[in-house]
Amino acid sequence: MKRLLICFACFTGVLAVPLAFSQPMNPATLRGQAQKLKTDGNFNDSYKAFRRLCLDPNAGANLVGQDLTSAVECLQRLGRIQEF
């Protein structure tokens, strides 16, 4: 019985972690994180964040151009030029 409870608790924990991190994020916060990721050299995660900002209609129309430029720079650094 203990083993079953432990397995259930682990399974529940594994499912809860992705849900906690998948909450909608404020565009300004996401933009700051994407920029920090890019500065730190994590171009893949930075590209994903900038892509998300470019596709979000609530991210701010006046900043989409900068987000797109940053996303393209990340793709260039990753050697994925053919994707744009």
N, C-alpha and C. Protein backbone atom coordinates (compact mmCIF):
# COMPACT_ATOMS: atom_id res chain seq x y z
N MET A 1 0.83 -1.20 0.00
CA MET A 1 0.00 0.00 0.00
C MET A 1 0.87 1.26 0.00
N LYS A 2 1.96 1.22 0.79
CA LYS A 2 2.86 2.37 0.82
C LYS A 2 3.47 2.62 -0.55
N ARG A 3 3.85 1.54 -1.19
CA ARG A 3 4.48 1.65 -2.50
C ARG A 3 3.51 2.29 -3.50
N LEU A 4 2.25 1.92 -3.43
CA LEU A 4 1.24 2.48 -4.31
C LEU A 4 1.07 3.98 -4.07
N LEU A 5 1.05 4.38 -2.81
CA LEU A 5 0.91 5.80 -2.48
C LEU A 5 2.13 6.60 -2.95
N ILE A 6 3.31 6.02 -2.80
CA ILE A 6 4.53 6.70 -3.25
C ILE A 6 4.51 6.86 -4.76
N CYS A 7 4.13 5.81 -5.47
CA CYS A 7 4.04 5.88 -6.93
C CYS A 7 3.01 6.92 -7.37
N PHE A 8 1.89 6.96 -6.69
CA PHE A 8 0.86 7.93 -7.03
C PHE A 8 1.36 9.36 -6.79
N ALA A 9 2.05 9.57 -5.68
CA ALA A 9 2.58 10.90 -5.37
C ALA A 9 3.62 11.33 -6.41
N CYS A 10 4.48 10.42 -6.81
CA CYS A 10 5.49 10.74 -7.83
C CYS A 10 4.82 11.07 -9.16
N PHE A 11 3.84 10.28 -9.55
CA PHE A 11 3.14 10.50 -10.80
C PHE A 11 2.43 11.85 -10.79
N THR A 12 1.79 12.17 -9.70
CA THR A 12 1.10 13.45 -9.57
C THR A 12 2.09 14.60 -9.64
N GLY A 13 3.24 14.44 -8.99
CA GLY A 13 4.28 15.47 -9.03
C GLY A 13 4.82 15.69 -10.43
N VAL A 14 5.00 14.60 -11.17
CA VAL A 14 5.50 14.70 -12.54
C VAL A 14 4.51 15.45 -13.42
N LEU A 15 3.24 15.26 -13.20
CA LEU A 15 2.22 15.96 -13.99
C LEU A 15 2.06 17.41 -13.56
N ALA A 16 2.30 17.70 -12.30
CA ALA A 16 2.08 19.05 -11.79
C ALA A 16 3.17 20.03 -12.23
N VAL A 17 4.39 19.56 -12.40
CA VAL A 17 5.50 20.45 -12.75
C VAL A 17 5.28 21.13 -14.09
N PRO A 18 4.94 20.42 -15.17
CA PRO A 18 4.72 21.12 -16.45
C PRO A 18 3.54 22.09 -16.39
N LEU A 19 2.52 21.77 -15.64
CA LEU A 19 1.38 22.67 -15.54
C LEU A 19 1.77 23.97 -14.84
N ALA A 20 2.66 23.89 -13.87
CA ALA A 20 3.09 25.08 -13.15
C ALA A 20 3.88 26.01 -14.06
N PHE A 21 4.64 25.47 -15.00
CA PHE A 21 5.46 26.29 -15.87
C PHE A 21 4.78 26.67 -17.17
N SER A 22 3.60 26.16 -17.43
CA SER A 22 2.93 26.46 -18.68
C SER A 22 1.91 27.58 -18.54
N GLN A 23 1.92 28.27 -17.44
CA GLN A 23 0.99 29.37 -17.23
C GLN A 23 1.31 30.51 -18.19
N PRO A 24 0.29 31.24 -18.67
CA PRO A 24 0.55 32.36 -19.56
C PRO A 24 1.45 33.38 -18.88
N MET A 25 2.38 33.91 -19.65
CA MET A 25 3.36 34.84 -19.09
C MET A 25 3.12 36.23 -19.67
N ASN A 26 3.34 37.22 -18.86
CA ASN A 26 3.25 38.61 -19.27
C ASN A 26 4.24 38.83 -20.41
N PRO A 27 3.83 39.46 -21.53
CA PRO A 27 4.75 39.67 -22.65
C PRO A 27 6.03 40.41 -22.27
N ALA A 28 5.93 41.38 -21.38
CA ALA A 28 7.14 42.11 -20.98
C ALA A 28 8.11 41.20 -20.24
N THR A 29 7.59 40.33 -19.39
CA THR A 29 8.42 39.38 -18.66
C THR A 29 9.06 38.39 -19.61
N LEU A 30 8.26 37.87 -20.54
CA LEU A 30 8.77 36.91 -21.52
C LEU A 30 9.83 37.56 -22.40
N ARG A 31 9.62 38.81 -22.78
CA ARG A 31 10.59 39.53 -23.60
C ARG A 31 11.91 39.69 -22.85
N GLY A 32 11.83 40.02 -21.58
CA GLY A 32 13.05 40.15 -20.77
C GLY A 32 13.78 38.83 -20.64
N GLN A 33 13.04 37.75 -20.42
CA GLN A 33 13.67 36.44 -20.31
C GLN A 33 14.29 36.02 -21.64
N ALA A 34 13.60 36.29 -22.73
CA ALA A 34 14.12 35.94 -24.05
C ALA A 34 15.43 36.69 -24.33
N GLN A 35 15.45 37.96 -23.97
CA GLN A 35 16.66 38.75 -24.18
C GLN A 35 17.81 38.24 -23.32
N LYS A 36 17.52 37.86 -22.08
CA LYS A 36 18.56 37.32 -21.20
C LYS A 36 19.08 36.00 -21.74
N LEU A 37 18.17 35.14 -22.22
CA LEU A 37 18.60 33.87 -22.81
C LEU A 37 19.51 34.11 -24.01
N LYS A 38 19.16 35.10 -24.82
CA LYS A 38 19.98 35.42 -26.00
C LYS A 38 21.35 35.93 -25.56
N THR A 39 21.38 36.79 -24.58
CA THR A 39 22.64 37.32 -24.07
C THR A 39 23.52 36.21 -23.49
N ASP A 40 22.88 35.24 -22.84
CA ASP A 40 23.62 34.13 -22.24
C ASP A 40 24.06 33.08 -23.27
N GLY A 41 23.62 33.24 -24.52
CA GLY A 41 24.02 32.31 -25.57
C GLY A 41 23.08 31.13 -25.75
N ASN A 42 21.94 31.16 -25.10
CA ASN A 42 20.96 30.08 -25.25
C ASN A 42 19.99 30.47 -26.36
N PHE A 43 20.47 30.33 -27.60
CA PHE A 43 19.74 30.85 -28.75
C PHE A 43 18.48 30.06 -29.08
N ASN A 44 18.48 28.76 -28.81
CA ASN A 44 17.30 27.96 -29.13
C ASN A 44 16.11 28.36 -28.25
N ASP A 45 16.32 28.43 -26.94
CA ASP A 45 15.22 28.82 -26.06
C ASP A 45 14.83 30.28 -26.28
N SER A 46 15.82 31.11 -26.57
CA SER A 46 15.53 32.51 -26.85
C SER A 46 14.68 32.63 -28.11
N TYR A 47 15.02 31.87 -29.15
CA TYR A 47 14.22 31.89 -30.38
C TYR A 47 12.79 31.48 -30.10
N LYS A 48 12.60 30.44 -29.31
CA LYS A 48 11.24 29.97 -29.00
C LYS A 48 10.43 31.06 -28.30
N ALA A 49 11.07 31.78 -27.39
CA ALA A 49 10.37 32.85 -26.67
C ALA A 49 10.04 34.01 -27.60
N PHE A 50 11.01 34.41 -28.44
CA PHE A 50 10.74 35.51 -29.38
C PHE A 50 9.67 35.11 -30.40
N ARG A 51 9.68 33.85 -30.83
CA ARG A 51 8.66 33.36 -31.75
C ARG A 51 7.28 33.46 -31.11
N ARG A 52 7.22 33.07 -29.85
CA ARG A 52 5.95 33.14 -29.12
C ARG A 52 5.46 34.59 -29.02
N LEU A 53 6.40 35.51 -28.79
CA LEU A 53 6.03 36.92 -28.72
C LEU A 53 5.54 37.43 -30.08
N CYS A 54 6.20 37.02 -31.15
CA CYS A 54 5.80 37.47 -32.49
C CYS A 54 4.41 36.98 -32.86
N LEU A 55 4.04 35.82 -32.38
CA LEU A 55 2.74 35.25 -32.72
C LEU A 55 1.63 35.67 -31.76
N ASP A 56 1.98 36.31 -30.66
CA ASP A 56 0.99 36.71 -29.66
C ASP A 56 0.39 38.07 -30.03
N PRO A 57 -0.92 38.12 -30.29
CA PRO A 57 -1.53 39.40 -30.66
C PRO A 57 -1.55 40.42 -29.52
N ASN A 58 -1.33 39.98 -28.31
CA ASN A 58 -1.34 40.89 -27.16
C ASN A 58 0.06 41.29 -26.71
N ALA A 59 1.08 40.98 -27.49
CA ALA A 59 2.46 41.24 -27.08
C ALA A 59 2.91 42.68 -27.33
N GLY A 60 2.12 43.44 -28.02
CA GLY A 60 2.47 44.83 -28.28
C GLY A 60 2.93 45.00 -29.72
N ALA A 61 2.11 45.63 -30.52
CA ALA A 61 2.39 45.77 -31.95
C ALA A 61 3.65 46.60 -32.22
N ASN A 62 3.95 47.54 -31.34
CA ASN A 62 5.10 48.40 -31.56
C ASN A 62 6.43 47.70 -31.28
N LEU A 63 6.41 46.52 -30.63
CA LEU A 63 7.65 45.81 -30.30
C LEU A 63 7.85 44.54 -31.13
N VAL A 64 6.87 44.20 -31.97
CA VAL A 64 6.96 42.97 -32.75
C VAL A 64 8.14 43.00 -33.71
N GLY A 65 8.45 44.16 -34.28
CA GLY A 65 9.58 44.27 -35.20
C GLY A 65 10.89 43.92 -34.52
N GLN A 66 11.08 44.40 -33.29
CA GLN A 66 12.29 44.08 -32.53
C GLN A 66 12.33 42.61 -32.17
N ASP A 67 11.18 42.05 -31.81
CA ASP A 67 11.11 40.63 -31.48
C ASP A 67 11.45 39.77 -32.69
N LEU A 68 10.94 40.16 -33.86
CA LEU A 68 11.22 39.42 -35.08
C LEU A 68 12.70 39.49 -35.43
N THR A 69 13.29 40.66 -35.29
CA THR A 69 14.72 40.82 -35.56
C THR A 69 15.53 39.93 -34.63
N SER A 70 15.18 39.91 -33.36
CA SER A 70 15.89 39.06 -32.40
C SER A 70 15.71 37.58 -32.73
N ALA A 71 14.51 37.19 -33.14
CA ALA A 71 14.25 35.79 -33.50
C ALA A 71 15.11 35.39 -34.70
N VAL A 72 15.20 36.27 -35.69
CA VAL A 72 16.02 35.98 -36.87
C VAL A 72 17.50 35.89 -36.49
N GLU A 73 17.95 36.77 -35.59
CA GLU A 73 19.35 36.70 -35.13
C GLU A 73 19.62 35.36 -34.44
N CYS A 74 18.66 34.89 -33.66
CA CYS A 74 18.83 33.59 -32.99
C CYS A 74 18.91 32.46 -34.02
N LEU A 75 18.07 32.52 -35.03
CA LEU A 75 18.11 31.49 -36.08
C LEU A 75 19.46 31.52 -36.81
N GLN A 76 19.97 32.72 -37.05
CA GLN A 76 21.28 32.83 -37.70
C GLN A 76 22.37 32.21 -36.83
N ARG A 77 22.32 32.49 -35.54
CA ARG A 77 23.35 31.94 -34.63
C ARG A 77 23.24 30.42 -34.53
N LEU A 78 22.03 29.90 -34.73
CA LEU A 78 21.82 28.45 -34.67
C LEU A 78 22.11 27.77 -36.02
N GLY A 79 22.38 28.56 -37.04
CA GLY A 79 22.63 27.99 -38.36
C GLY A 79 21.35 27.51 -39.04
N ARG A 80 20.23 28.08 -38.65
CA ARG A 80 18.93 27.68 -39.21
C ARG A 80 18.39 28.77 -40.12
N ILE A 81 19.25 29.30 -40.98
CA ILE A 81 18.91 30.43 -41.84
C ILE A 81 17.77 30.09 -42.78
N GLN A 82 17.68 28.86 -43.26
CA GLN A 82 16.65 28.49 -44.21
C GLN A 82 15.25 28.58 -43.63
N GLU A 83 15.11 28.72 -42.34
CA GLU A 83 13.78 28.77 -41.71
C GLU A 83 13.13 30.14 -41.80
N PHE A 84 13.86 31.14 -42.19
CA PHE A 84 13.22 32.43 -42.37
C PHE A 84 13.41 32.83 -43.78
